[in-house]
Amino acid sequence: MTQATFDINCTRCPRLAKHLSEVKKEFPDYHSRPVEQFGVVHPKLLVVGLAPGKHGANATGRPFTGDHAGIILYETLHKFGFSNKPVSVSVDDGLKLKQCRITNSVKCLPPENKPVGSEIKNCNSFLAAELATLKKGTCILILGGVAHNSVLSALGLRKKDYPFGHDHKYKLPNGLVLFTSYHCSRYNTQTKRLTEATFHKVFKAIRKHIDS
């Protein structure tokens, strides 16, 4: 990744920078810095989440590693051939992604897992730069409404033309293909808003598109 797509020293958002500093004092062994993208340089699938979790990516320094959402995501990535292992616990656990990269629309841990609009906007240039590196035909899997709006903003597309919902597929003007899913958060899975079956359905469509 280049500095246009990621900056580990970024402090554009004062509230987030302050929060990371406070978390680092509470948990000295945590990463507590912006979390870099993880995966292959030229993916056929880019997964876009919301932001690092406090005891997940913010702790480990790798997206979706060490928390509930990551358990489901990495099991599913492995099932559909996008990783060499089904469990992700740390940056040195030997897990490698195949044909896939994972990123977040906001690179820093927000208080209560809720970034405000200005923070999402501040981070959008990183996402825009990353999306610009994707080849035509690349699939983008969006997890949740905030990430959905971030991707559309980064691509200069209107939200009303691409409404968010679970298991939607959009072919974009620039040749990228958008797949949408509810976020694999603890809340969504415990309330059954997102089930293993409905999550797998989205991945089946992605796998079919890539392999066709």
N, C-alpha and C. Protein backbone atom coordinates (compact mmCIF):
# COMPACT_ATOMS: atom_id res chain seq x y z
N MET A 1 0.83 -1.19 0.00
CA MET A 1 0.00 0.00 0.00
C MET A 1 0.87 1.25 0.00
N THR A 2 0.39 2.29 -0.66
CA THR A 2 1.11 3.55 -0.70
C THR A 2 0.53 4.50 0.34
N GLN A 3 1.17 5.66 0.52
CA GLN A 3 0.68 6.62 1.50
C GLN A 3 -0.66 7.21 1.07
N ALA A 4 -0.97 7.12 -0.21
CA ALA A 4 -2.28 7.58 -0.67
C ALA A 4 -3.40 6.67 -0.19
N THR A 5 -3.09 5.39 0.01
CA THR A 5 -4.10 4.43 0.43
C THR A 5 -4.07 4.13 1.92
N PHE A 6 -2.97 4.48 2.58
CA PHE A 6 -2.86 4.22 4.03
C PHE A 6 -1.72 5.02 4.64
N ASP A 7 -1.97 5.57 5.82
CA ASP A 7 -0.94 6.31 6.54
C ASP A 7 -1.03 5.94 8.03
N ILE A 8 -0.08 5.16 8.50
CA ILE A 8 -0.13 4.70 9.88
C ILE A 8 0.05 5.84 10.88
N ASN A 9 0.56 6.96 10.41
CA ASN A 9 0.77 8.11 11.29
C ASN A 9 -0.34 9.16 11.16
N CYS A 10 -1.42 8.80 10.50
CA CYS A 10 -2.50 9.75 10.25
C CYS A 10 -3.14 10.22 11.57
N THR A 11 -3.34 11.53 11.68
CA THR A 11 -4.04 12.12 12.82
C THR A 11 -5.05 13.15 12.34
N ARG A 12 -5.68 12.90 11.20
CA ARG A 12 -6.64 13.84 10.62
C ARG A 12 -7.84 14.08 11.53
N CYS A 13 -8.18 13.08 12.31
CA CYS A 13 -9.39 13.17 13.15
C CYS A 13 -8.98 13.29 14.62
N PRO A 14 -9.04 14.49 15.20
CA PRO A 14 -8.59 14.70 16.58
C PRO A 14 -9.28 13.77 17.58
N ARG A 15 -10.58 13.56 17.42
CA ARG A 15 -11.29 12.70 18.37
C ARG A 15 -10.77 11.27 18.32
N LEU A 16 -10.52 10.77 17.12
CA LEU A 16 -10.02 9.40 16.99
C LEU A 16 -8.59 9.28 17.49
N ALA A 17 -7.76 10.26 17.19
CA ALA A 17 -6.38 10.24 17.67
C ALA A 17 -6.33 10.25 19.19
N LYS A 18 -7.18 11.05 19.81
CA LYS A 18 -7.25 11.10 21.26
C LYS A 18 -7.72 9.77 21.83
N HIS A 19 -8.72 9.19 21.19
CA HIS A 19 -9.27 7.91 21.65
C HIS A 19 -8.22 6.81 21.57
N LEU A 20 -7.48 6.77 20.47
CA LEU A 20 -6.42 5.76 20.33
C LEU A 20 -5.37 5.91 21.41
N SER A 21 -5.03 7.14 21.73
CA SER A 21 -4.05 7.40 22.78
C SER A 21 -4.54 6.90 24.13
N GLU A 22 -5.82 7.12 24.40
CA GLU A 22 -6.40 6.68 25.66
C GLU A 22 -6.46 5.15 25.74
N VAL A 23 -6.82 4.53 24.64
CA VAL A 23 -6.89 3.05 24.62
C VAL A 23 -5.50 2.45 24.78
N LYS A 24 -4.50 3.10 24.18
CA LYS A 24 -3.12 2.61 24.28
C LYS A 24 -2.64 2.65 25.73
N LYS A 25 -3.06 3.67 26.47
CA LYS A 25 -2.69 3.75 27.88
C LYS A 25 -3.36 2.64 28.69
N GLU A 26 -4.60 2.33 28.34
CA GLU A 26 -5.35 1.29 29.03
C GLU A 26 -4.85 -0.11 28.66
N PHE A 27 -4.48 -0.26 27.38
CA PHE A 27 -4.01 -1.55 26.88
C PHE A 27 -2.68 -1.34 26.14
N PRO A 28 -1.58 -1.27 26.85
CA PRO A 28 -0.28 -0.94 26.25
C PRO A 28 0.17 -1.89 25.14
N ASP A 29 -0.31 -3.14 25.17
CA ASP A 29 0.12 -4.11 24.16
C ASP A 29 -0.71 -4.05 22.88
N TYR A 30 -1.74 -3.23 22.88
CA TYR A 30 -2.60 -3.13 21.70
C TYR A 30 -1.92 -2.31 20.60
N HIS A 31 -2.29 -2.59 19.36
CA HIS A 31 -1.80 -1.84 18.20
C HIS A 31 -2.18 -0.37 18.33
N SER A 32 -3.44 -0.09 18.51
CA SER A 32 -3.97 1.27 18.77
C SER A 32 -3.40 2.34 17.85
N ARG A 33 -3.41 2.05 16.58
CA ARG A 33 -3.01 2.98 15.53
C ARG A 33 -3.92 2.71 14.33
N PRO A 34 -3.84 3.50 13.27
CA PRO A 34 -4.60 3.13 12.08
C PRO A 34 -4.27 1.70 11.65
N VAL A 35 -5.27 0.99 11.18
CA VAL A 35 -5.10 -0.43 10.81
C VAL A 35 -5.01 -0.55 9.29
N GLU A 36 -3.92 -1.14 8.84
CA GLU A 36 -3.65 -1.26 7.41
C GLU A 36 -4.50 -2.35 6.76
N GLN A 37 -4.69 -2.22 5.46
CA GLN A 37 -5.36 -3.25 4.69
C GLN A 37 -4.58 -4.57 4.77
N PHE A 38 -5.27 -5.67 4.53
CA PHE A 38 -4.63 -6.98 4.63
C PHE A 38 -5.05 -7.83 3.43
N GLY A 39 -4.06 -8.39 2.74
CA GLY A 39 -4.37 -9.28 1.63
C GLY A 39 -3.46 -9.08 0.44
N VAL A 40 -3.91 -9.55 -0.72
CA VAL A 40 -3.09 -9.54 -1.92
C VAL A 40 -3.10 -8.16 -2.58
N VAL A 41 -2.08 -7.91 -3.38
CA VAL A 41 -1.92 -6.60 -4.02
C VAL A 41 -3.01 -6.35 -5.06
N HIS A 42 -3.29 -7.35 -5.87
CA HIS A 42 -4.31 -7.21 -6.91
C HIS A 42 -5.43 -8.22 -6.66
N PRO A 43 -6.37 -7.88 -5.79
CA PRO A 43 -7.42 -8.84 -5.41
C PRO A 43 -8.51 -8.98 -6.47
N LYS A 44 -9.15 -10.12 -6.45
CA LYS A 44 -10.37 -10.28 -7.23
C LYS A 44 -11.59 -9.98 -6.36
N LEU A 45 -11.35 -9.93 -5.04
CA LEU A 45 -12.39 -9.56 -4.08
C LEU A 45 -11.80 -8.60 -3.05
N LEU A 46 -12.44 -7.44 -2.92
CA LEU A 46 -12.08 -6.50 -1.86
C LEU A 46 -13.25 -6.45 -0.87
N VAL A 47 -12.98 -6.80 0.38
CA VAL A 47 -13.99 -6.74 1.42
C VAL A 47 -13.84 -5.42 2.16
N VAL A 48 -14.93 -4.66 2.27
CA VAL A 48 -14.88 -3.35 2.93
C VAL A 48 -15.76 -3.37 4.17
N GLY A 49 -15.13 -3.22 5.34
CA GLY A 49 -15.85 -3.16 6.60
C GLY A 49 -16.01 -1.73 7.07
N LEU A 50 -16.45 -1.59 8.33
CA LEU A 50 -16.68 -0.26 8.88
C LEU A 50 -15.41 0.34 9.48
N ALA A 51 -14.94 -0.23 10.59
CA ALA A 51 -13.79 0.31 11.31
C ALA A 51 -13.23 -0.78 12.22
N PRO A 52 -11.99 -0.63 12.69
CA PRO A 52 -11.42 -1.63 13.61
C PRO A 52 -12.23 -1.73 14.90
N GLY A 53 -12.35 -2.95 15.42
CA GLY A 53 -12.98 -3.17 16.72
C GLY A 53 -11.95 -2.98 17.83
N LYS A 54 -12.39 -2.54 18.99
CA LYS A 54 -11.48 -2.22 20.09
C LYS A 54 -10.59 -3.39 20.47
N HIS A 55 -11.20 -4.56 20.65
CA HIS A 55 -10.44 -5.74 21.08
C HIS A 55 -10.17 -6.70 19.91
N GLY A 56 -10.43 -6.21 18.70
CA GLY A 56 -10.16 -6.99 17.50
C GLY A 56 -9.00 -6.39 16.73
N ALA A 57 -9.32 -5.76 15.59
CA ALA A 57 -8.27 -5.19 14.74
C ALA A 57 -7.46 -4.12 15.44
N ASN A 58 -8.10 -3.34 16.30
CA ASN A 58 -7.34 -2.31 17.03
C ASN A 58 -6.31 -2.94 17.95
N ALA A 59 -6.58 -4.13 18.43
CA ALA A 59 -5.64 -4.83 19.31
C ALA A 59 -4.54 -5.54 18.51
N THR A 60 -4.95 -6.20 17.42
CA THR A 60 -4.01 -7.05 16.69
C THR A 60 -3.29 -6.33 15.56
N GLY A 61 -3.92 -5.28 15.01
CA GLY A 61 -3.32 -4.58 13.88
C GLY A 61 -3.68 -5.17 12.54
N ARG A 62 -4.65 -6.12 12.52
CA ARG A 62 -5.08 -6.70 11.25
C ARG A 62 -6.60 -6.68 11.18
N PRO A 63 -7.19 -6.27 10.06
CA PRO A 63 -8.64 -6.17 9.96
C PRO A 63 -9.36 -7.46 10.33
N PHE A 64 -10.41 -7.31 11.14
CA PHE A 64 -11.30 -8.41 11.51
C PHE A 64 -10.58 -9.56 12.25
N THR A 65 -9.46 -9.27 12.84
CA THR A 65 -8.70 -10.31 13.55
C THR A 65 -8.85 -10.15 15.06
N GLY A 66 -9.39 -11.19 15.69
CA GLY A 66 -9.48 -11.19 17.14
C GLY A 66 -10.83 -10.84 17.73
N ASP A 67 -11.86 -10.70 16.87
CA ASP A 67 -13.19 -10.39 17.42
C ASP A 67 -14.27 -11.27 16.78
N HIS A 68 -15.50 -11.11 17.23
CA HIS A 68 -16.60 -11.96 16.79
C HIS A 68 -16.84 -11.87 15.29
N ALA A 69 -16.85 -10.67 14.76
CA ALA A 69 -17.09 -10.49 13.33
C ALA A 69 -16.03 -11.21 12.51
N GLY A 70 -14.80 -11.18 12.99
CA GLY A 70 -13.71 -11.82 12.29
C GLY A 70 -13.84 -13.33 12.25
N ILE A 71 -14.38 -13.91 13.33
CA ILE A 71 -14.57 -15.36 13.36
C ILE A 71 -15.43 -15.80 12.19
N ILE A 72 -16.55 -15.12 12.01
CA ILE A 72 -17.48 -15.46 10.93
C ILE A 72 -16.88 -15.16 9.57
N LEU A 73 -16.27 -13.99 9.44
CA LEU A 73 -15.73 -13.60 8.13
C LEU A 73 -14.63 -14.54 7.68
N TYR A 74 -13.67 -14.84 8.55
CA TYR A 74 -12.55 -15.67 8.12
C TYR A 74 -12.96 -17.12 7.89
N GLU A 75 -13.91 -17.63 8.65
CA GLU A 75 -14.44 -18.97 8.39
C GLU A 75 -15.06 -19.02 6.99
N THR A 76 -15.79 -17.96 6.64
CA THR A 76 -16.46 -17.92 5.34
C THR A 76 -15.46 -17.73 4.21
N LEU A 77 -14.48 -16.87 4.41
CA LEU A 77 -13.44 -16.69 3.40
C LEU A 77 -12.73 -18.01 3.10
N HIS A 78 -12.44 -18.75 4.15
CA HIS A 78 -11.77 -20.05 3.97
C HIS A 78 -12.68 -21.03 3.23
N LYS A 79 -13.93 -21.08 3.60
CA LYS A 79 -14.89 -22.00 2.98
C LYS A 79 -15.00 -21.78 1.47
N PHE A 80 -14.89 -20.52 1.06
CA PHE A 80 -15.06 -20.20 -0.35
C PHE A 80 -13.73 -19.96 -1.08
N GLY A 81 -12.63 -20.41 -0.45
CA GLY A 81 -11.34 -20.43 -1.13
C GLY A 81 -10.56 -19.14 -1.14
N PHE A 82 -10.89 -18.22 -0.22
CA PHE A 82 -10.20 -16.94 -0.20
C PHE A 82 -9.12 -16.85 0.89
N SER A 83 -8.89 -17.91 1.64
CA SER A 83 -7.81 -17.90 2.63
C SER A 83 -7.30 -19.32 2.85
N ASN A 84 -6.12 -19.42 3.43
CA ASN A 84 -5.52 -20.74 3.64
C ASN A 84 -5.90 -21.35 5.00
N LYS A 85 -6.53 -20.54 5.87
CA LYS A 85 -6.92 -21.02 7.20
C LYS A 85 -8.26 -20.39 7.59
N PRO A 86 -9.04 -21.08 8.42
CA PRO A 86 -10.36 -20.56 8.80
C PRO A 86 -10.37 -19.69 10.04
N VAL A 87 -9.24 -19.58 10.72
CA VAL A 87 -9.21 -18.85 11.99
C VAL A 87 -8.10 -17.80 11.95
N SER A 88 -8.45 -16.57 12.36
CA SER A 88 -7.49 -15.47 12.39
C SER A 88 -7.39 -14.93 13.81
N VAL A 89 -6.21 -15.06 14.42
CA VAL A 89 -6.06 -14.64 15.82
C VAL A 89 -4.99 -13.57 16.02
N SER A 90 -4.00 -13.51 15.12
CA SER A 90 -2.92 -12.53 15.27
C SER A 90 -2.23 -12.33 13.93
N VAL A 91 -1.42 -11.28 13.84
CA VAL A 91 -0.76 -10.98 12.57
C VAL A 91 0.31 -12.01 12.20
N ASP A 92 0.73 -12.83 13.16
CA ASP A 92 1.78 -13.82 12.88
C ASP A 92 1.26 -15.25 12.98
N ASP A 93 -0.04 -15.45 12.70
CA ASP A 93 -0.63 -16.79 12.82
C ASP A 93 -0.53 -17.62 11.54
N GLY A 94 0.10 -17.06 10.51
CA GLY A 94 0.29 -17.81 9.27
C GLY A 94 -0.87 -17.75 8.31
N LEU A 95 -1.92 -17.03 8.65
CA LEU A 95 -3.06 -16.93 7.75
C LEU A 95 -2.72 -16.03 6.57
N LYS A 96 -3.05 -16.49 5.37
CA LYS A 96 -2.84 -15.70 4.16
C LYS A 96 -4.12 -15.70 3.34
N LEU A 97 -4.41 -14.55 2.76
CA LEU A 97 -5.58 -14.45 1.90
C LEU A 97 -5.20 -14.80 0.47
N LYS A 98 -6.18 -15.33 -0.26
CA LYS A 98 -5.99 -15.68 -1.67
C LYS A 98 -7.04 -14.96 -2.50
N GLN A 99 -6.60 -14.25 -3.51
CA GLN A 99 -7.49 -13.48 -4.41
C GLN A 99 -8.25 -12.37 -3.67
N CYS A 100 -7.88 -12.07 -2.44
CA CYS A 100 -8.72 -11.23 -1.59
C CYS A 100 -7.89 -10.23 -0.78
N ARG A 101 -8.52 -9.09 -0.52
CA ARG A 101 -7.96 -8.12 0.42
C ARG A 101 -9.09 -7.57 1.28
N ILE A 102 -8.77 -7.23 2.52
CA ILE A 102 -9.75 -6.68 3.45
C ILE A 102 -9.33 -5.28 3.85
N THR A 103 -10.27 -4.36 3.85
CA THR A 103 -9.99 -2.98 4.25
C THR A 103 -11.17 -2.46 5.06
N ASN A 104 -11.04 -1.27 5.61
CA ASN A 104 -12.13 -0.62 6.33
C ASN A 104 -12.36 0.78 5.80
N SER A 105 -13.60 1.24 5.88
CA SER A 105 -13.90 2.60 5.42
C SER A 105 -13.32 3.63 6.38
N VAL A 106 -13.16 3.28 7.65
CA VAL A 106 -12.48 4.12 8.63
C VAL A 106 -11.35 3.29 9.23
N LYS A 107 -10.14 3.81 9.19
CA LYS A 107 -8.96 3.01 9.55
C LYS A 107 -8.66 3.00 11.05
N CYS A 108 -9.29 3.90 11.82
CA CYS A 108 -9.01 3.99 13.25
C CYS A 108 -10.23 3.59 14.08
N LEU A 109 -9.97 3.07 15.26
CA LEU A 109 -11.02 2.70 16.19
C LEU A 109 -11.81 3.93 16.63
N PRO A 110 -13.13 3.96 16.40
CA PRO A 110 -13.94 5.08 16.90
C PRO A 110 -14.56 4.74 18.26
N PRO A 111 -14.79 5.73 19.10
CA PRO A 111 -15.49 5.46 20.37
C PRO A 111 -16.85 4.80 20.11
N GLU A 112 -17.12 3.75 20.88
CA GLU A 112 -18.38 3.01 20.78
C GLU A 112 -18.62 2.45 19.37
N ASN A 113 -17.55 2.28 18.62
CA ASN A 113 -17.63 1.75 17.25
C ASN A 113 -18.48 2.60 16.32
N LYS A 114 -18.57 3.90 16.61
CA LYS A 114 -19.41 4.78 15.81
C LYS A 114 -18.63 6.01 15.35
N PRO A 115 -18.07 5.96 14.14
CA PRO A 115 -17.42 7.16 13.61
C PRO A 115 -18.46 8.21 13.24
N VAL A 116 -18.11 9.47 13.38
CA VAL A 116 -19.02 10.55 12.97
C VAL A 116 -18.76 10.88 11.50
N GLY A 117 -19.66 11.67 10.92
CA GLY A 117 -19.58 11.95 9.50
C GLY A 117 -18.27 12.54 9.03
N SER A 118 -17.72 13.47 9.81
CA SER A 118 -16.46 14.11 9.41
C SER A 118 -15.30 13.11 9.40
N GLU A 119 -15.35 12.13 10.30
CA GLU A 119 -14.28 11.12 10.36
C GLU A 119 -14.38 10.17 9.17
N ILE A 120 -15.59 9.80 8.81
CA ILE A 120 -15.79 8.96 7.63
C ILE A 120 -15.30 9.70 6.38
N LYS A 121 -15.62 10.99 6.31
CA LYS A 121 -15.21 11.81 5.16
C LYS A 121 -13.69 11.97 5.13
N ASN A 122 -13.06 12.21 6.29
CA ASN A 122 -11.61 12.37 6.34
C ASN A 122 -10.87 11.15 5.83
N CYS A 123 -11.44 9.98 6.09
CA CYS A 123 -10.78 8.72 5.72
C CYS A 123 -11.12 8.29 4.30
N ASN A 124 -12.09 8.97 3.69
CA ASN A 124 -12.59 8.52 2.39
C ASN A 124 -11.56 8.63 1.27
N SER A 125 -10.63 9.56 1.40
CA SER A 125 -9.62 9.68 0.35
C SER A 125 -8.72 8.45 0.29
N PHE A 126 -8.46 7.83 1.45
CA PHE A 126 -7.67 6.59 1.47
C PHE A 126 -8.42 5.49 0.73
N LEU A 127 -9.73 5.40 1.01
CA LEU A 127 -10.54 4.37 0.35
C LEU A 127 -10.64 4.63 -1.15
N ALA A 128 -10.80 5.89 -1.52
CA ALA A 128 -10.88 6.24 -2.95
C ALA A 128 -9.61 5.85 -3.68
N ALA A 129 -8.48 6.12 -3.04
CA ALA A 129 -7.19 5.78 -3.65
C ALA A 129 -7.03 4.26 -3.79
N GLU A 130 -7.52 3.54 -2.78
CA GLU A 130 -7.43 2.08 -2.85
C GLU A 130 -8.34 1.52 -3.94
N LEU A 131 -9.55 2.04 -4.04
CA LEU A 131 -10.48 1.56 -5.06
C LEU A 131 -9.96 1.86 -6.46
N ALA A 132 -9.21 2.93 -6.60
CA ALA A 132 -8.66 3.30 -7.90
C ALA A 132 -7.61 2.31 -8.40
N THR A 133 -7.07 1.50 -7.49
CA THR A 133 -6.06 0.51 -7.89
C THR A 133 -6.67 -0.80 -8.39
N LEU A 134 -7.99 -0.96 -8.22
CA LEU A 134 -8.63 -2.22 -8.57
C LEU A 134 -8.81 -2.35 -10.08
N LYS A 135 -8.66 -3.56 -10.57
CA LYS A 135 -8.83 -3.83 -11.99
C LYS A 135 -10.31 -4.02 -12.31
N LYS A 136 -10.69 -3.77 -13.56
CA LYS A 136 -12.07 -3.98 -13.98
C LYS A 136 -12.48 -5.43 -13.72
N GLY A 137 -13.71 -5.61 -13.26
CA GLY A 137 -14.19 -6.94 -12.95
C GLY A 137 -14.00 -7.35 -11.51
N THR A 138 -13.21 -6.57 -10.76
CA THR A 138 -12.99 -6.88 -9.35
C THR A 138 -14.30 -6.76 -8.58
N CYS A 139 -14.53 -7.69 -7.67
CA CYS A 139 -15.71 -7.67 -6.81
C CYS A 139 -15.40 -6.89 -5.54
N ILE A 140 -16.35 -6.09 -5.12
CA ILE A 140 -16.25 -5.40 -3.84
C ILE A 140 -17.40 -5.89 -2.97
N LEU A 141 -17.07 -6.47 -1.83
CA LEU A 141 -18.10 -6.89 -0.87
C LEU A 141 -18.18 -5.86 0.23
N ILE A 142 -19.34 -5.22 0.34
CA ILE A 142 -19.55 -4.19 1.35
C ILE A 142 -20.28 -4.78 2.54
N LEU A 143 -19.74 -4.56 3.72
CA LEU A 143 -20.36 -5.05 4.95
C LEU A 143 -21.00 -3.89 5.71
N GLY A 144 -22.30 -3.72 5.55
CA GLY A 144 -23.02 -2.70 6.30
C GLY A 144 -23.24 -1.39 5.55
N GLY A 145 -24.21 -0.62 6.05
CA GLY A 145 -24.62 0.60 5.38
C GLY A 145 -23.58 1.70 5.37
N VAL A 146 -22.82 1.86 6.46
CA VAL A 146 -21.81 2.92 6.50
C VAL A 146 -20.73 2.66 5.46
N ALA A 147 -20.26 1.43 5.40
CA ALA A 147 -19.25 1.08 4.39
C ALA A 147 -19.81 1.25 2.98
N HIS A 148 -21.07 0.92 2.80
CA HIS A 148 -21.73 1.07 1.50
C HIS A 148 -21.69 2.53 1.04
N ASN A 149 -22.11 3.43 1.92
CA ASN A 149 -22.11 4.85 1.58
C ASN A 149 -20.69 5.38 1.36
N SER A 150 -19.74 4.84 2.12
CA SER A 150 -18.34 5.26 1.95
C SER A 150 -17.80 4.88 0.59
N VAL A 151 -18.11 3.67 0.16
CA VAL A 151 -17.65 3.21 -1.15
C VAL A 151 -18.28 4.05 -2.26
N LEU A 152 -19.57 4.30 -2.17
CA LEU A 152 -20.23 5.12 -3.19
C LEU A 152 -19.64 6.53 -3.24
N SER A 153 -19.39 7.10 -2.06
CA SER A 153 -18.78 8.44 -2.01
C SER A 153 -17.39 8.42 -2.64
N ALA A 154 -16.62 7.40 -2.33
CA ALA A 154 -15.26 7.29 -2.86
C ALA A 154 -15.25 7.16 -4.38
N LEU A 155 -16.32 6.56 -4.91
CA LEU A 155 -16.41 6.36 -6.36
C LEU A 155 -17.19 7.47 -7.05
N GLY A 156 -17.70 8.43 -6.27
CA GLY A 156 -18.45 9.52 -6.86
C GLY A 156 -19.81 9.11 -7.39
N LEU A 157 -20.42 8.10 -6.77
CA LEU A 157 -21.72 7.60 -7.21
C LEU A 157 -22.83 8.07 -6.27
N ARG A 158 -24.05 8.15 -6.79
CA ARG A 158 -25.18 8.62 -6.00
C ARG A 158 -25.82 7.46 -5.23
N LYS A 159 -26.10 7.69 -3.96
CA LYS A 159 -26.66 6.64 -3.11
C LYS A 159 -28.01 6.16 -3.62
N LYS A 160 -28.81 7.06 -4.16
CA LYS A 160 -30.15 6.68 -4.61
C LYS A 160 -30.12 5.72 -5.79
N ASP A 161 -29.01 5.71 -6.52
CA ASP A 161 -28.88 4.81 -7.67
C ASP A 161 -28.44 3.40 -7.26
N TYR A 162 -27.91 3.29 -6.04
CA TYR A 162 -27.38 2.01 -5.55
C TYR A 162 -27.80 1.82 -4.09
N PRO A 163 -29.09 1.62 -3.82
CA PRO A 163 -29.55 1.50 -2.43
C PRO A 163 -28.95 0.28 -1.73
N PHE A 164 -28.71 0.46 -0.44
CA PHE A 164 -28.13 -0.65 0.34
C PHE A 164 -29.20 -1.64 0.77
N GLY A 165 -28.82 -2.89 0.79
CA GLY A 165 -29.66 -3.96 1.30
C GLY A 165 -28.85 -5.23 1.26
N HIS A 166 -29.31 -6.26 1.92
CA HIS A 166 -28.55 -7.51 1.93
C HIS A 166 -28.69 -8.25 0.61
N ASP A 167 -27.56 -8.77 0.13
CA ASP A 167 -27.52 -9.61 -1.06
C ASP A 167 -27.94 -8.86 -2.33
N HIS A 168 -27.46 -7.64 -2.47
CA HIS A 168 -27.64 -6.90 -3.71
C HIS A 168 -26.36 -6.99 -4.54
N LYS A 169 -26.53 -6.89 -5.84
CA LYS A 169 -25.38 -6.90 -6.75
C LYS A 169 -25.55 -5.76 -7.75
N TYR A 170 -24.49 -4.97 -7.90
CA TYR A 170 -24.52 -3.85 -8.83
C TYR A 170 -23.27 -3.88 -9.72
N LYS A 171 -23.48 -3.77 -11.02
CA LYS A 171 -22.36 -3.58 -11.94
C LYS A 171 -22.15 -2.08 -12.10
N LEU A 172 -20.98 -1.60 -11.73
CA LEU A 172 -20.71 -0.18 -11.69
C LEU A 172 -20.17 0.34 -13.03
N PRO A 173 -20.32 1.63 -13.28
CA PRO A 173 -19.86 2.20 -14.55
C PRO A 173 -18.37 2.01 -14.83
N ASN A 174 -17.57 1.91 -13.77
CA ASN A 174 -16.12 1.77 -13.96
C ASN A 174 -15.68 0.32 -14.12
N GLY A 175 -16.64 -0.61 -14.19
CA GLY A 175 -16.30 -2.01 -14.42
C GLY A 175 -16.18 -2.86 -13.18
N LEU A 176 -16.25 -2.23 -11.99
CA LEU A 176 -16.23 -2.99 -10.74
C LEU A 176 -17.62 -3.56 -10.47
N VAL A 177 -17.67 -4.60 -9.65
CA VAL A 177 -18.95 -5.25 -9.34
C VAL A 177 -19.15 -5.20 -7.82
N LEU A 178 -20.26 -4.63 -7.42
CA LEU A 178 -20.54 -4.39 -6.01
C LEU A 178 -21.50 -5.45 -5.47
N PHE A 179 -21.10 -6.10 -4.36
CA PHE A 179 -21.97 -7.02 -3.64
C PHE A 179 -22.19 -6.46 -2.23
N THR A 180 -23.41 -6.55 -1.72
CA THR A 180 -23.70 -5.97 -0.42
C THR A 180 -24.17 -7.04 0.57
N SER A 181 -23.83 -6.82 1.84
CA SER A 181 -24.24 -7.73 2.91
C SER A 181 -24.40 -6.96 4.20
N TYR A 182 -25.31 -7.43 5.04
CA TYR A 182 -25.33 -6.91 6.40
C TYR A 182 -23.98 -7.23 7.03
N HIS A 183 -23.54 -6.39 7.95
CA HIS A 183 -22.26 -6.61 8.62
C HIS A 183 -22.33 -7.86 9.49
N CYS A 184 -21.23 -8.61 9.54
CA CYS A 184 -21.18 -9.85 10.32
C CYS A 184 -20.84 -9.55 11.78
N SER A 185 -21.49 -8.57 12.35
CA SER A 185 -21.27 -8.17 13.74
C SER A 185 -21.97 -9.13 14.69
N ARG A 186 -21.57 -9.08 15.95
CA ARG A 186 -22.20 -9.92 16.96
C ARG A 186 -23.71 -9.63 17.04
N TYR A 187 -24.06 -8.33 17.00
CA TYR A 187 -25.48 -7.96 17.09
C TYR A 187 -26.28 -8.54 15.93
N ASN A 188 -25.79 -8.39 14.72
CA ASN A 188 -26.54 -8.89 13.56
C ASN A 188 -26.67 -10.40 13.53
N THR A 189 -25.64 -11.11 14.00
CA THR A 189 -25.72 -12.57 13.98
C THR A 189 -26.56 -13.10 15.15
N GLN A 190 -26.48 -12.44 16.30
CA GLN A 190 -27.26 -12.90 17.44
C GLN A 190 -28.75 -12.65 17.24
N THR A 191 -29.08 -11.56 16.55
CA THR A 191 -30.49 -11.24 16.28
C THR A 191 -31.00 -11.96 15.04
N LYS A 192 -30.11 -12.71 14.37
CA LYS A 192 -30.45 -13.46 13.16
C LYS A 192 -30.75 -12.56 11.96
N ARG A 193 -30.39 -11.30 12.08
CA ARG A 193 -30.50 -10.44 10.90
C ARG A 193 -29.60 -10.97 9.80
N LEU A 194 -28.44 -11.47 10.23
CA LEU A 194 -27.53 -12.14 9.30
C LEU A 194 -27.29 -13.55 9.83
N THR A 195 -27.53 -14.54 8.99
CA THR A 195 -27.28 -15.93 9.37
C THR A 195 -26.14 -16.48 8.51
N GLU A 196 -25.66 -17.63 8.91
CA GLU A 196 -24.61 -18.28 8.13
C GLU A 196 -25.09 -18.52 6.71
N ALA A 197 -26.33 -18.95 6.57
CA ALA A 197 -26.88 -19.26 5.25
C ALA A 197 -26.97 -18.01 4.37
N THR A 198 -27.44 -16.90 4.94
CA THR A 198 -27.59 -15.69 4.12
C THR A 198 -26.23 -15.07 3.79
N PHE A 199 -25.27 -15.22 4.69
CA PHE A 199 -23.91 -14.73 4.42
C PHE A 199 -23.27 -15.58 3.34
N HIS A 200 -23.43 -16.89 3.43
CA HIS A 200 -22.87 -17.80 2.44
C HIS A 200 -23.48 -17.58 1.06
N LYS A 201 -24.75 -17.19 1.03
CA LYS A 201 -25.41 -16.94 -0.26
C LYS A 201 -24.70 -15.84 -1.03
N VAL A 202 -24.30 -14.79 -0.30
CA VAL A 202 -23.58 -13.69 -0.94
C VAL A 202 -22.24 -14.18 -1.47
N PHE A 203 -21.54 -14.97 -0.69
CA PHE A 203 -20.23 -15.47 -1.11
C PHE A 203 -20.34 -16.45 -2.28
N LYS A 204 -21.41 -17.21 -2.33
CA LYS A 204 -21.63 -18.10 -3.48
C LYS A 204 -21.74 -17.29 -4.77
N ALA A 205 -22.44 -16.16 -4.68
CA ALA A 205 -22.59 -15.30 -5.86
C ALA A 205 -21.26 -14.69 -6.26
N ILE A 206 -20.47 -14.31 -5.27
CA ILE A 206 -19.15 -13.73 -5.55
C ILE A 206 -18.24 -14.78 -6.19
N ARG A 207 -18.23 -15.96 -5.61
CA ARG A 207 -17.38 -17.04 -6.13
C ARG A 207 -17.77 -17.40 -7.56
N LYS A 208 -19.07 -17.42 -7.82
CA LYS A 208 -19.57 -17.74 -9.17
C LYS A 208 -19.12 -16.67 -10.15
N HIS A 209 -19.19 -15.41 -9.74
CA HIS A 209 -18.78 -14.32 -10.63
C HIS A 209 -17.29 -14.39 -10.92
N ILE A 210 -16.49 -14.62 -9.91
CA ILE A 210 -15.03 -14.68 -10.12
C ILE A 210 -14.62 -15.87 -10.98
N ASP A 211 -15.29 -16.98 -10.77
CA ASP A 211 -14.90 -18.21 -11.49
C ASP A 211 -15.47 -18.29 -12.90
N SER A 212 -16.44 -17.45 -13.21
CA SER A 212 -17.09 -17.54 -14.53
C SER A 212 -16.24 -16.86 -15.61
